[in-house]
């Protein structure tokens, strides 16, 4: 009987929700620099429907220009 009550309690507990957090443009720039080891040339905030994406233009150490897209929601 006690086991049945304990099992019932376990089923009734709500599942833990994992919520995403939204980063700012400065954190997105830091992530892009960490990924590429380059120099930031520009940064834009784009909206794709309800999603926000940071588009960061980087000059890599070998002289290439690279576009890195970082989602705001992580």
PDB file of N, CA and C in Angstrom:
ATOM      1  N   UNK A   1       0.823  -1.186   0.000  1.00  0.00           N
ATOM      2  CA  UNK A   1       0.000   0.000   0.000  1.00  0.00           C
ATOM      3  C   UNK A   1       0.869   1.252   0.000  1.00  0.00           C
ATOM      4  N   UNK A   2       1.888   1.285   0.881  1.00  0.00           N
ATOM      5  CA  UNK A   2       2.773   2.450   0.955  1.00  0.00           C
ATOM      6  C   UNK A   2       3.512   2.650  -0.362  1.00  0.00           C
ATOM      7  N   UNK A   3       3.917   1.560  -1.008  1.00  0.00           N
ATOM      8  CA  UNK A   3       4.610   1.646  -2.286  1.00  0.00           C
ATOM      9  C   UNK A   3       3.694   2.243  -3.341  1.00  0.00           C
ATOM     10  N   UNK A   4       2.432   1.857  -3.329  1.00  0.00           N
ATOM     11  CA  UNK A   4       1.476   2.401  -4.289  1.00  0.00           C
ATOM     12  C   UNK A   4       1.300   3.900  -4.091  1.00  0.00           C
ATOM     13  N   UNK A   5       1.283   4.366  -2.854  1.00  0.00           N
ATOM     14  CA  UNK A   5       1.159   5.801  -2.571  1.00  0.00           C
ATOM     15  C   UNK A   5       2.403   6.536  -3.052  1.00  0.00           C
ATOM     16  N   UNK A   6       3.584   5.979  -2.772  1.00  0.00           N
ATOM     17  CA  UNK A   6       4.822   6.611  -3.229  1.00  0.00           C
ATOM     18  C   UNK A   6       4.889   6.693  -4.747  1.00  0.00           C
ATOM     19  N   UNK A   7       4.490   5.626  -5.413  1.00  0.00           N
ATOM     20  CA  UNK A   7       4.483   5.643  -6.875  1.00  0.00           C
ATOM     21  C   UNK A   7       3.508   6.669  -7.405  1.00  0.00           C
ATOM     22  N   UNK A   8       2.377   6.802  -6.743  1.00  0.00           N
ATOM     23  CA  UNK A   8       1.396   7.806  -7.144  1.00  0.00           C
ATOM     24  C   UNK A   8       1.947   9.213  -7.006  1.00  0.00           C
ATOM     25  N   UNK A   9       2.719   9.461  -5.951  1.00  0.00           N
ATOM     26  CA  UNK A   9       3.313  10.787  -5.753  1.00  0.00           C
ATOM     27  C   UNK A   9       4.335  11.102  -6.832  1.00  0.00           C
ATOM     28  N   UNK A  10       5.083  10.112  -7.214  1.00  0.00           N
ATOM     29  CA  UNK A  10       6.094  10.328  -8.250  1.00  0.00           C
ATOM     30  C   UNK A  10       5.460  10.703  -9.578  1.00  0.00           C
ATOM     31  N   UNK A  11       4.342  10.096  -9.891  1.00  0.00           N
ATOM     32  CA  UNK A  11       3.671  10.370 -11.154  1.00  0.00           C
ATOM     33  C   UNK A  11       3.078  11.774 -11.164  1.00  0.00           C
ATOM     34  N   UNK A  12       2.654  12.274 -10.016  1.00  0.00           N
ATOM     35  CA  UNK A  12       1.976  13.562  -9.934  1.00  0.00           C
ATOM     36  C   UNK A  12       2.927  14.749  -9.947  1.00  0.00           C
ATOM     37  N   UNK A  13       4.218  14.521  -9.702  1.00  0.00           N
ATOM     38  CA  UNK A  13       5.155  15.641  -9.688  1.00  0.00           C
ATOM     39  C   UNK A  13       5.336  16.186 -11.099  1.00  0.00           C
ATOM     40  N   UNK A  14       5.340  17.503 -11.254  1.00  0.00           N
ATOM     41  CA  UNK A  14       5.490  18.074 -12.590  1.00  0.00           C
ATOM     42  C   UNK A  14       6.907  17.862 -13.116  1.00  0.00           C
ATOM     43  N   UNK A  15       7.004  17.726 -14.415  1.00  0.00           N
ATOM     44  CA  UNK A  15       8.316  17.585 -15.040  1.00  0.00           C
ATOM     45  C   UNK A  15       9.051  18.914 -14.946  1.00  0.00           C
ATOM     46  N   UNK A  16      10.344  18.845 -14.784  1.00  0.00           N
ATOM     47  CA  UNK A  16      11.158  20.058 -14.689  1.00  0.00           C
ATOM     48  C   UNK A  16      11.270  20.690 -16.075  1.00  0.00           C
ATOM     49  N   UNK A  17      10.940  21.951 -16.151  1.00  0.00           N
ATOM     50  CA  UNK A  17      11.008  22.644 -17.427  1.00  0.00           C
ATOM     51  C   UNK A  17      12.385  23.265 -17.604  1.00  0.00           C
ATOM     52  N   UNK A  18      12.905  23.149 -18.813  1.00  0.00           N
ATOM     53  CA  UNK A  18      14.164  23.776 -19.150  1.00  0.00           C
ATOM     54  C   UNK A  18      13.831  24.980 -20.019  1.00  0.00           C
ATOM     55  N   UNK A  19      14.170  26.146 -19.532  1.00  0.00           N
ATOM     56  CA  UNK A  19      13.876  27.351 -20.302  1.00  0.00           C
ATOM     57  C   UNK A  19      15.157  27.878 -20.909  1.00  0.00           C
ATOM     58  N   UNK A  20      15.045  28.306 -22.140  1.00  0.00           N
ATOM     59  CA  UNK A  20      16.190  28.893 -22.822  1.00  0.00           C
ATOM     60  C   UNK A  20      16.343  30.333 -22.365  1.00  0.00           C
ATOM     61  N   UNK A  21      17.567  30.794 -22.366  1.00  0.00           N
ATOM     62  CA  UNK A  21      17.790  32.191 -22.033  1.00  0.00           C
ATOM     63  C   UNK A  21      18.210  32.928 -23.296  1.00  0.00           C
ATOM     64  N   UNK A  22      17.946  34.208 -23.317  1.00  0.00           N
ATOM     65  CA  UNK A  22      18.297  35.010 -24.482  1.00  0.00           C
ATOM     66  C   UNK A  22      19.572  35.788 -24.180  1.00  0.00           C
ATOM     67  N   UNK A  23      20.559  35.622 -25.059  1.00  0.00           N
ATOM     68  CA  UNK A  23      21.814  36.345 -24.879  1.00  0.00           C
ATOM     69  C   UNK A  23      21.731  37.681 -25.620  1.00  0.00           C
ATOM     70  N   UNK A  24      22.574  38.600 -25.220  1.00  0.00           N
ATOM     71  CA  UNK A  24      22.662  39.893 -25.875  1.00  0.00           C
ATOM     72  C   UNK A  24      23.717  39.884 -26.967  1.00  0.00           C
ATOM     73  N   UNK A  25      23.784  40.971 -27.691  1.00  0.00           N
ATOM     74  CA  UNK A  25      24.713  41.058 -28.817  1.00  0.00           C
ATOM     75  C   UNK A  25      26.170  40.968 -28.347  1.00  0.00           C
ATOM     76  N   UNK A  26      26.486  41.523 -27.178  1.00  0.00           N
ATOM     77  CA  UNK A  26      27.868  41.458 -26.699  1.00  0.00           C
ATOM     78  C   UNK A  26      28.300  40.017 -26.410  1.00  0.00           C
ATOM     79  N   UNK A  27      27.404  39.222 -25.852  1.00  0.00           N
ATOM     80  CA  UNK A  27      27.728  37.815 -25.595  1.00  0.00           C
ATOM     81  C   UNK A  27      27.856  37.037 -26.906  1.00  0.00           C
ATOM     82  N   UNK A  28      27.006  37.365 -27.876  1.00  0.00           N
ATOM     83  CA  UNK A  28      27.088  36.712 -29.188  1.00  0.00           C
ATOM     84  C   UNK A  28      28.419  37.051 -29.865  1.00  0.00           C
ATOM     85  N   UNK A  29      28.835  38.306 -29.746  1.00  0.00           N
ATOM     86  CA  UNK A  29      30.132  38.713 -30.313  1.00  0.00           C
ATOM     87  C   UNK A  29      31.262  37.938 -29.640  1.00  0.00           C
ATOM     88  N   UNK A  30      31.202  37.815 -28.335  1.00  0.00           N
ATOM     89  CA  UNK A  30      32.235  37.065 -27.601  1.00  0.00           C
ATOM     90  C   UNK A  30      32.283  35.611 -28.063  1.00  0.00           C
ATOM     91  N   UNK A  31      31.128  35.003 -28.286  1.00  0.00           N
ATOM     92  CA  UNK A  31      31.086  33.614 -28.760  1.00  0.00           C
ATOM     93  C   UNK A  31      31.693  33.500 -30.154  1.00  0.00           C
ATOM     94  N   UNK A  32      31.365  34.454 -31.028  1.00  0.00           N
ATOM     95  CA  UNK A  32      31.897  34.433 -32.396  1.00  0.00           C
ATOM     96  C   UNK A  32      33.414  34.593 -32.388  1.00  0.00           C
ATOM     97  N   UNK A  33      33.915  35.490 -31.541  1.00  0.00           N
ATOM     98  CA  UNK A  33      35.369  35.669 -31.448  1.00  0.00           C
ATOM     99  C   UNK A  33      36.040  34.415 -30.910  1.00  0.00           C
ATOM    100  N   UNK A  34      35.413  33.780 -29.947  1.00  0.00           N
ATOM    101  CA  UNK A  34      35.982  32.559 -29.373  1.00  0.00           C
ATOM    102  C   UNK A  34      36.028  31.440 -30.417  1.00  0.00           C
ATOM    103  N   UNK A  35      34.994  31.359 -31.262  1.00  0.00           N
ATOM    104  CA  UNK A  35      34.942  30.313 -32.298  1.00  0.00           C
ATOM    105  C   UNK A  35      35.974  30.541 -33.394  1.00  0.00           C
ATOM    106  N   UNK A  36      36.234  31.807 -33.745  1.00  0.00           N
ATOM    107  CA  UNK A  36      37.059  32.107 -34.913  1.00  0.00           C
ATOM    108  C   UNK A  36      38.422  32.685 -34.598  1.00  0.00           C
ATOM    109  N   UNK A  37      38.604  33.191 -33.393  1.00  0.00           N
ATOM    110  CA  UNK A  37      39.845  33.872 -32.980  1.00  0.00           C
ATOM    111  C   UNK A  37      40.109  35.086 -33.870  1.00  0.00           C
ATOM    112  N   UNK A  38      39.035  35.720 -34.374  1.00  0.00           N
ATOM    113  CA  UNK A  38      39.176  36.829 -35.291  1.00  0.00           C
ATOM    114  C   UNK A  38      38.755  38.159 -34.701  1.00  0.00           C
ATOM    115  N   UNK A  39      38.754  39.164 -35.579  1.00  0.00           N
ATOM    116  CA  UNK A  39      38.388  40.531 -35.209  1.00  0.00           C
ATOM    117  C   UNK A  39      36.987  40.821 -35.755  1.00  0.00           C
ATOM    118  N   UNK A  40      36.140  41.381 -34.910  1.00  0.00           N
ATOM    119  CA  UNK A  40      34.765  41.684 -35.320  1.00  0.00           C
ATOM    120  C   UNK A  40      34.774  42.916 -36.232  1.00  0.00           C
ATOM    121  N   UNK A  41      34.141  42.766 -37.388  1.00  0.00           N
ATOM    122  CA  UNK A  41      33.997  43.875 -38.315  1.00  0.00           C
ATOM    123  C   UNK A  41      32.642  44.558 -38.167  1.00  0.00           C
ATOM    124  N   UNK A  42      31.597  43.752 -37.932  1.00  0.00           N
ATOM    125  CA  UNK A  42      30.255  44.315 -37.739  1.00  0.00           C
ATOM    126  C   UNK A  42      29.366  43.263 -37.087  1.00  0.00           C
ATOM    127  N   UNK A  43      28.246  43.747 -36.558  1.00  0.00           N
ATOM    128  CA  UNK A  43      27.263  42.848 -35.956  1.00  0.00           C
ATOM    129  C   UNK A  43      25.873  43.391 -36.253  1.00  0.00           C
ATOM    130  N   UNK A  44      24.977  42.491 -36.611  1.00  0.00           N
ATOM    131  CA  UNK A  44      23.593  42.841 -36.892  1.00  0.00           C
ATOM    132  C   UNK A  44      22.674  41.927 -36.095  1.00  0.00           C
ATOM    133  N   UNK A  45      21.506  42.457 -35.771  1.00  0.00           N
ATOM    134  CA  UNK A  45      20.463  41.651 -35.146  1.00  0.00           C
ATOM    135  C   UNK A  45      19.386  41.416 -36.186  1.00  0.00           C
ATOM    136  N   UNK A  46      19.092  40.158 -36.463  1.00  0.00           N
ATOM    137  CA  UNK A  46      18.070  39.802 -37.456  1.00  0.00           C
ATOM    138  C   UNK A  46      16.906  39.108 -36.758  1.00  0.00           C
ATOM    139  N   UNK A  47      15.728  39.307 -37.275  1.00  0.00           N
ATOM    140  CA  UNK A  47      14.535  38.603 -36.786  1.00  0.00           C
ATOM    141  C   UNK A  47      14.029  37.712 -37.902  1.00  0.00           C
ATOM    142  N   UNK A  48      13.893  36.426 -37.593  1.00  0.00           N
ATOM    143  CA  UNK A  48      13.330  35.459 -38.519  1.00  0.00           C
ATOM    144  C   UNK A  48      12.069  34.910 -37.867  1.00  0.00           C
ATOM    145  N   UNK A  49      10.948  35.520 -38.152  1.00  0.00           N
ATOM    146  CA  UNK A  49       9.710  35.170 -37.463  1.00  0.00           C
ATOM    147  C   UNK A  49       9.830  35.609 -36.015  1.00  0.00           C
ATOM    148  N   UNK A  50       9.696  34.669 -35.104  1.00  0.00           N
ATOM    149  CA  UNK A  50       9.810  34.968 -33.677  1.00  0.00           C
ATOM    150  C   UNK A  50      11.239  34.802 -33.170  1.00  0.00           C
ATOM    151  N   UNK A  51      12.128  34.297 -34.010  1.00  0.00           N
ATOM    152  CA  UNK A  51      13.506  34.040 -33.598  1.00  0.00           C
ATOM    153  C   UNK A  51      14.392  35.255 -33.848  1.00  0.00           C
ATOM    154  N   UNK A  52      15.358  35.457 -32.953  1.00  0.00           N
ATOM    155  CA  UNK A  52      16.343  36.526 -33.105  1.00  0.00           C
ATOM    156  C   UNK A  52      17.697  35.868 -33.316  1.00  0.00           C
ATOM    157  N   UNK A  53      18.418  36.360 -34.323  1.00  0.00           N
ATOM    158  CA  UNK A  53      19.737  35.826 -34.654  1.00  0.00           C
ATOM    159  C   UNK A  53      20.706  36.992 -34.782  1.00  0.00           C
ATOM    160  N   UNK A  54      21.900  36.801 -34.247  1.00  0.00           N
ATOM    161  CA  UNK A  54      22.953  37.798 -34.415  1.00  0.00           C
ATOM    162  C   UNK A  54      23.841  37.351 -35.575  1.00  0.00           C
ATOM    163  N   UNK A  55      24.035  38.241 -36.524  1.00  0.00           N
ATOM    164  CA  UNK A  55      24.889  37.977 -37.689  1.00  0.00           C
ATOM    165  C   UNK A  55      26.155  38.797 -37.499  1.00  0.00           C
ATOM    166  N   UNK A  56      27.270  38.117 -37.315  1.00  0.00           N
ATOM    167  CA  UNK A  56      28.516  38.787 -36.959  1.00  0.00           C
ATOM    168  C   UNK A  56      29.553  38.535 -38.049  1.00  0.00           C
ATOM    169  N   UNK A  57      30.097  39.634 -38.566  1.00  0.00           N
ATOM    170  CA  UNK A  57      31.122  39.547 -39.607  1.00  0.00           C
ATOM    171  C   UNK A  57      32.481  39.619 -38.922  1.00  0.00           C
ATOM    172  N   UNK A  58      33.319  38.623 -39.215  1.00  0.00           N
ATOM    173  CA  UNK A  58      34.621  38.451 -38.553  1.00  0.00           C
ATOM    174  C   UNK A  58      35.744  38.436 -39.591  1.00  0.00           C
ATOM    175  N   UNK A  59      36.852  39.088 -39.259  1.00  0.00           N
ATOM    176  CA  UNK A  59      38.075  38.955 -40.041  1.00  0.00           C
ATOM    177  C   UNK A  59      38.945  37.941 -39.314  1.00  0.00           C
ATOM    178  N   UNK A  60      39.162  36.789 -39.944  1.00  0.00           N
ATOM    179  CA  UNK A  60      39.911  35.710 -39.299  1.00  0.00           C
ATOM    180  C   UNK A  60      41.406  36.025 -39.309  1.00  0.00           C
ATOM    181  N   UNK A  61      42.184  35.346 -38.469  1.00  0.00           N
ATOM    182  CA  UNK A  61      43.629  35.596 -38.426  1.00  0.00           C
ATOM    183  C   UNK A  61      44.333  35.376 -39.768  1.00  0.00           C
ATOM    184  N   UNK A  62      43.767  34.516 -40.625  1.00  0.00           N
ATOM    185  CA  UNK A  62      44.392  34.278 -41.937  1.00  0.00           C
ATOM    186  C   UNK A  62      43.877  35.222 -43.024  1.00  0.00           C
ATOM    187  N   UNK A  63      43.123  36.269 -42.636  1.00  0.00           N
ATOM    188  CA  UNK A  63      42.696  37.295 -43.577  1.00  0.00           C
ATOM    189  C   UNK A  63      41.368  37.054 -44.268  1.00  0.00           C
ATOM    190  N   UNK A  64      40.669  35.997 -43.905  1.00  0.00           N
ATOM    191  CA  UNK A  64      39.375  35.691 -44.506  1.00  0.00           C
ATOM    192  C   UNK A  64      38.265  36.425 -43.756  1.00  0.00           C
ATOM    193  N   UNK A  65      37.241  36.867 -44.502  1.00  0.00           N
ATOM    194  CA  UNK A  65      36.056  37.431 -43.866  1.00  0.00           C
ATOM    195  C   UNK A  65      35.049  36.299 -43.736  1.00  0.00           C
ATOM    196  N   UNK A  66      34.541  36.126 -42.532  1.00  0.00           N
ATOM    197  CA  UNK A  66      33.620  35.029 -42.245  1.00  0.00           C
ATOM    198  C   UNK A  66      32.383  35.587 -41.548  1.00  0.00           C
ATOM    199  N   UNK A  67      31.229  35.063 -41.907  1.00  0.00           N
ATOM    200  CA  UNK A  67      29.970  35.428 -41.262  1.00  0.00           C
ATOM    201  C   UNK A  67      29.605  34.321 -40.275  1.00  0.00           C
ATOM    202  N   UNK A  68      29.378  34.708 -39.027  1.00  0.00           N
ATOM    203  CA  UNK A  68      28.982  33.763 -37.989  1.00  0.00           C
ATOM    204  C   UNK A  68      27.589  34.157 -37.533  1.00  0.00           C
ATOM    205  N   UNK A  69      26.682  33.190 -37.484  1.00  0.00           N
ATOM    206  CA  UNK A  69      25.322  33.447 -37.007  1.00  0.00           C
ATOM    207  C   UNK A  69      25.137  32.761 -35.663  1.00  0.00           C
ATOM    208  N   UNK A  70      24.752  33.550 -34.669  1.00  0.00           N
ATOM    209  CA  UNK A  70      24.551  33.056 -33.313  1.00  0.00           C
ATOM    210  C   UNK A  70      23.090  33.271 -32.940  1.00  0.00           C
ATOM    211  N   UNK A  71      22.358  32.208 -32.597  1.00  0.00           N
ATOM    212  CA  UNK A  71      20.966  32.406 -32.164  1.00  0.00           C
ATOM    213  C   UNK A  71      20.930  33.090 -30.801  1.00  0.00           C
ATOM    214  N   UNK A  72      20.003  34.011 -30.620  1.00  0.00           N
ATOM    215  CA  UNK A  72      19.881  34.730 -29.352  1.00  0.00           C
ATOM    216  C   UNK A  72      19.394  33.798 -28.246  1.00  0.00           C
ATOM    217  N   UNK A  73      18.544  32.866 -28.584  1.00  0.00           N
ATOM    218  CA  UNK A  73      17.989  31.944 -27.594  1.00  0.00           C
ATOM    219  C   UNK A  73      18.901  30.737 -27.465  1.00  0.00           C
ATOM    220  N   UNK A  74      19.426  30.524 -26.245  1.00  0.00           N
ATOM    221  CA  UNK A  74      20.357  29.412 -26.031  1.00  0.00           C
ATOM    222  C   UNK A  74      19.989  28.628 -24.805  1.00  0.00           C
TER     223      UNK A  74
END
